[in-house]
Amino acid sequence: MSKQVWYFTAKWCKPCQKIKPLWHKLEEECKDEIDFITVDVDERRDIALKMDISGMPTFVFAHEGMEIHRFSGADQGKLEQQVEKLMNM
């Protein structure tokens, strides 16, 4: 798909666990239009380094292979807003 959201997380990260239910809800609702990609930074340190991830959770939004937005933190409103923006592209 041409639209992606990357979720960089870790099992030990409490804010990551807090936002996880919303992530799964959005993934289910938007799965036909957006690829939702979960990356555990401890298991895939190579990807986290390549994408310059320094804090968790971090969300990276991409359209047609280009990063268009990113933010760190468990901000549920911001996550919903950015997924909606991506849906409308």
N, C-alpha and C. Protein backbone atom coordinates (compact mmCIF):
# COMPACT_ATOMS: atom_id res chain seq x y z
N MET A 1 0.84 -1.19 0.00
CA MET A 1 0.00 0.00 0.00
C MET A 1 0.87 1.24 0.00
N SER A 2 0.29 2.32 -0.43
CA SER A 2 1.07 3.55 -0.50
C SER A 2 1.01 4.36 0.79
N LYS A 3 0.17 3.95 1.74
CA LYS A 3 0.07 4.66 3.02
C LYS A 3 0.49 3.72 4.14
N GLN A 4 1.37 4.22 5.00
CA GLN A 4 1.88 3.41 6.10
C GLN A 4 1.97 4.23 7.39
N VAL A 5 1.75 3.52 8.49
CA VAL A 5 2.03 4.08 9.81
C VAL A 5 2.92 3.07 10.52
N TRP A 6 4.06 3.55 10.98
CA TRP A 6 5.00 2.72 11.74
C TRP A 6 4.86 3.06 13.22
N TYR A 7 4.79 2.03 14.05
CA TYR A 7 4.66 2.18 15.50
C TYR A 7 5.89 1.54 16.14
N PHE A 8 6.79 2.37 16.68
CA PHE A 8 7.99 1.89 17.33
C PHE A 8 7.71 1.78 18.82
N THR A 9 7.87 0.59 19.35
CA THR A 9 7.45 0.27 20.70
C THR A 9 8.45 -0.64 21.39
N ALA A 10 8.23 -0.89 22.67
CA ALA A 10 9.02 -1.86 23.43
C ALA A 10 8.13 -2.42 24.54
N LYS A 11 8.36 -3.67 24.88
CA LYS A 11 7.54 -4.33 25.90
C LYS A 11 7.62 -3.63 27.25
N TRP A 12 8.77 -3.05 27.59
CA TRP A 12 8.99 -2.42 28.88
C TRP A 12 8.46 -0.98 28.94
N CYS A 13 8.01 -0.44 27.82
CA CYS A 13 7.59 0.95 27.71
C CYS A 13 6.12 1.12 28.14
N LYS A 14 5.90 1.73 29.30
CA LYS A 14 4.53 1.89 29.82
C LYS A 14 3.65 2.76 28.92
N PRO A 15 4.13 3.90 28.39
CA PRO A 15 3.29 4.67 27.47
C PRO A 15 2.93 3.88 26.20
N CYS A 16 3.85 3.02 25.76
CA CYS A 16 3.57 2.18 24.59
C CYS A 16 2.41 1.24 24.87
N GLN A 17 2.40 0.67 26.06
CA GLN A 17 1.33 -0.25 26.44
C GLN A 17 0.00 0.50 26.60
N LYS A 18 0.09 1.75 27.04
CA LYS A 18 -1.11 2.56 27.22
C LYS A 18 -1.81 2.83 25.89
N ILE A 19 -1.05 3.08 24.84
CA ILE A 19 -1.64 3.47 23.56
C ILE A 19 -1.90 2.26 22.65
N LYS A 20 -1.42 1.11 23.03
CA LYS A 20 -1.55 -0.10 22.21
C LYS A 20 -3.00 -0.44 21.84
N PRO A 21 -3.98 -0.36 22.77
CA PRO A 21 -5.36 -0.68 22.38
C PRO A 21 -5.89 0.25 21.27
N LEU A 22 -5.55 1.53 21.34
CA LEU A 22 -5.98 2.46 20.29
C LEU A 22 -5.30 2.10 18.97
N TRP A 23 -4.02 1.77 19.02
CA TRP A 23 -3.29 1.35 17.81
C TRP A 23 -4.02 0.19 17.13
N HIS A 24 -4.38 -0.83 17.91
CA HIS A 24 -5.07 -2.00 17.34
C HIS A 24 -6.45 -1.64 16.80
N LYS A 25 -7.14 -0.73 17.46
CA LYS A 25 -8.46 -0.28 17.00
C LYS A 25 -8.34 0.42 15.65
N LEU A 26 -7.38 1.34 15.54
CA LEU A 26 -7.18 2.07 14.28
C LEU A 26 -6.73 1.13 13.18
N GLU A 27 -5.88 0.18 13.54
CA GLU A 27 -5.40 -0.81 12.58
C GLU A 27 -6.59 -1.58 11.99
N GLU A 28 -7.49 -2.00 12.83
CA GLU A 28 -8.65 -2.76 12.37
C GLU A 28 -9.57 -1.90 11.51
N GLU A 29 -9.80 -0.67 11.92
CA GLU A 29 -10.72 0.23 11.20
C GLU A 29 -10.17 0.66 9.84
N CYS A 30 -8.86 0.80 9.72
CA CYS A 30 -8.26 1.40 8.52
C CYS A 30 -7.41 0.43 7.70
N LYS A 31 -7.46 -0.86 8.02
CA LYS A 31 -6.55 -1.82 7.42
C LYS A 31 -6.67 -1.93 5.90
N ASP A 32 -7.80 -1.55 5.33
CA ASP A 32 -7.96 -1.63 3.88
C ASP A 32 -7.26 -0.49 3.14
N GLU A 33 -6.90 0.58 3.87
CA GLU A 33 -6.30 1.74 3.22
C GLU A 33 -4.89 2.07 3.69
N ILE A 34 -4.53 1.59 4.89
CA ILE A 34 -3.23 1.92 5.48
C ILE A 34 -2.57 0.65 5.99
N ASP A 35 -1.27 0.50 5.73
CA ASP A 35 -0.48 -0.57 6.35
C ASP A 35 -0.03 -0.08 7.71
N PHE A 36 -0.33 -0.85 8.74
CA PHE A 36 0.09 -0.56 10.10
C PHE A 36 1.25 -1.50 10.44
N ILE A 37 2.41 -0.93 10.73
CA ILE A 37 3.62 -1.71 10.94
C ILE A 37 4.12 -1.49 12.37
N THR A 38 4.18 -2.56 13.14
CA THR A 38 4.65 -2.50 14.52
C THR A 38 6.09 -2.98 14.57
N VAL A 39 6.95 -2.19 15.19
CA VAL A 39 8.36 -2.55 15.32
C VAL A 39 8.75 -2.50 16.79
N ASP A 40 9.11 -3.66 17.34
CA ASP A 40 9.67 -3.72 18.69
C ASP A 40 11.14 -3.34 18.58
N VAL A 41 11.51 -2.23 19.19
CA VAL A 41 12.87 -1.70 19.02
C VAL A 41 13.94 -2.62 19.62
N ASP A 42 13.57 -3.45 20.57
CA ASP A 42 14.54 -4.39 21.14
C ASP A 42 14.78 -5.57 20.20
N GLU A 43 13.74 -5.96 19.47
CA GLU A 43 13.87 -7.08 18.53
C GLU A 43 14.42 -6.63 17.18
N ARG A 44 14.13 -5.40 16.79
CA ARG A 44 14.55 -4.90 15.47
C ARG A 44 15.29 -3.57 15.61
N ARG A 45 16.36 -3.63 16.38
CA ARG A 45 17.19 -2.45 16.61
C ARG A 45 17.70 -1.86 15.29
N ASP A 46 17.94 -2.72 14.30
CA ASP A 46 18.44 -2.27 13.00
C ASP A 46 17.46 -1.30 12.32
N ILE A 47 16.18 -1.63 12.37
CA ILE A 47 15.16 -0.76 11.76
C ILE A 47 15.05 0.54 12.55
N ALA A 48 15.05 0.43 13.88
CA ALA A 48 14.95 1.63 14.72
C ALA A 48 16.13 2.58 14.46
N LEU A 49 17.31 2.03 14.32
CA LEU A 49 18.48 2.87 14.03
C LEU A 49 18.38 3.50 12.65
N LYS A 50 17.98 2.72 11.67
CA LYS A 50 17.84 3.23 10.30
C LYS A 50 16.82 4.37 10.23
N MET A 51 15.75 4.26 11.04
CA MET A 51 14.69 5.27 11.01
C MET A 51 14.93 6.37 12.04
N ASP A 52 16.08 6.33 12.73
CA ASP A 52 16.48 7.36 13.70
C ASP A 52 15.47 7.53 14.83
N ILE A 53 15.10 6.41 15.43
CA ILE A 53 14.13 6.41 16.54
C ILE A 53 14.89 6.56 17.85
N SER A 54 14.51 7.55 18.65
CA SER A 54 15.22 7.77 19.91
C SER A 54 14.32 7.67 21.13
N GLY A 55 13.01 7.62 20.95
CA GLY A 55 12.09 7.52 22.08
C GLY A 55 10.89 6.69 21.70
N MET A 56 10.22 6.13 22.69
CA MET A 56 9.05 5.33 22.45
C MET A 56 7.89 5.81 23.29
N PRO A 57 6.69 5.67 22.74
CA PRO A 57 6.42 5.24 21.38
C PRO A 57 6.72 6.36 20.37
N THR A 58 7.10 5.97 19.17
CA THR A 58 7.24 6.91 18.06
C THR A 58 6.39 6.38 16.92
N PHE A 59 5.68 7.30 16.28
CA PHE A 59 4.83 6.97 15.14
C PHE A 59 5.37 7.71 13.92
N VAL A 60 5.56 6.98 12.83
CA VAL A 60 6.06 7.55 11.58
C VAL A 60 5.01 7.31 10.51
N PHE A 61 4.60 8.38 9.84
CA PHE A 61 3.57 8.32 8.81
C PHE A 61 4.22 8.51 7.46
N ALA A 62 3.88 7.63 6.51
CA ALA A 62 4.49 7.69 5.19
C ALA A 62 3.41 7.58 4.12
N HIS A 63 3.63 8.30 3.02
CA HIS A 63 2.74 8.25 1.86
C HIS A 63 3.60 8.12 0.62
N GLU A 64 3.33 7.08 -0.15
CA GLU A 64 4.08 6.80 -1.37
C GLU A 64 5.59 6.76 -1.13
N GLY A 65 5.97 6.12 -0.02
CA GLY A 65 7.38 5.91 0.28
C GLY A 65 8.11 7.08 0.92
N MET A 66 7.41 8.18 1.14
CA MET A 66 8.03 9.37 1.73
C MET A 66 7.45 9.62 3.12
N GLU A 67 8.34 9.87 4.09
CA GLU A 67 7.87 10.24 5.42
C GLU A 67 7.21 11.60 5.36
N ILE A 68 5.99 11.68 5.91
CA ILE A 68 5.27 12.96 5.89
C ILE A 68 5.09 13.55 7.28
N HIS A 69 5.21 12.70 8.32
CA HIS A 69 5.04 13.20 9.68
C HIS A 69 5.56 12.15 10.65
N ARG A 70 5.98 12.61 11.82
CA ARG A 70 6.34 11.71 12.91
C ARG A 70 6.14 12.44 14.23
N PHE A 71 5.85 11.66 15.26
CA PHE A 71 5.81 12.22 16.61
C PHE A 71 6.09 11.11 17.60
N SER A 72 6.56 11.52 18.77
CA SER A 72 6.82 10.59 19.86
C SER A 72 5.89 10.90 21.01
N GLY A 73 5.52 9.86 21.74
CA GLY A 73 4.65 10.02 22.90
C GLY A 73 3.33 9.32 22.68
N ALA A 74 2.64 9.05 23.78
CA ALA A 74 1.38 8.31 23.75
C ALA A 74 0.19 9.27 23.68
N ASP A 75 0.22 10.17 22.70
CA ASP A 75 -0.84 11.16 22.52
C ASP A 75 -1.94 10.56 21.64
N GLN A 76 -3.01 10.10 22.27
CA GLN A 76 -4.07 9.40 21.55
C GLN A 76 -4.76 10.29 20.54
N GLY A 77 -5.03 11.54 20.91
CA GLY A 77 -5.68 12.48 20.01
C GLY A 77 -4.84 12.74 18.77
N LYS A 78 -3.54 12.92 18.97
CA LYS A 78 -2.64 13.19 17.86
C LYS A 78 -2.56 11.97 16.93
N LEU A 79 -2.52 10.77 17.50
CA LEU A 79 -2.47 9.56 16.68
C LEU A 79 -3.73 9.45 15.82
N GLU A 80 -4.88 9.66 16.43
CA GLU A 80 -6.14 9.60 15.66
C GLU A 80 -6.16 10.66 14.56
N GLN A 81 -5.74 11.86 14.89
CA GLN A 81 -5.73 12.97 13.93
C GLN A 81 -4.81 12.68 12.75
N GLN A 82 -3.62 12.17 13.01
CA GLN A 82 -2.67 11.92 11.94
C GLN A 82 -3.10 10.73 11.06
N VAL A 83 -3.72 9.72 11.66
CA VAL A 83 -4.24 8.60 10.86
C VAL A 83 -5.36 9.12 9.96
N GLU A 84 -6.22 9.98 10.49
CA GLU A 84 -7.30 10.53 9.69
C GLU A 84 -6.75 11.36 8.52
N LYS A 85 -5.73 12.17 8.78
CA LYS A 85 -5.09 12.95 7.71
C LYS A 85 -4.54 12.04 6.63
N LEU A 86 -3.87 10.96 7.05
CA LEU A 86 -3.30 10.02 6.10
C LEU A 86 -4.41 9.34 5.28
N MET A 87 -5.49 9.00 5.92
CA MET A 87 -6.63 8.37 5.23
C MET A 87 -7.15 9.27 4.11
N ASN A 88 -7.14 10.57 4.36
CA ASN A 88 -7.72 11.53 3.41
C ASN A 88 -6.75 11.97 2.31
N MET A 89 -5.55 11.43 2.30
CA MET A 89 -4.57 11.80 1.27
C MET A 89 -4.85 11.03 -0.02
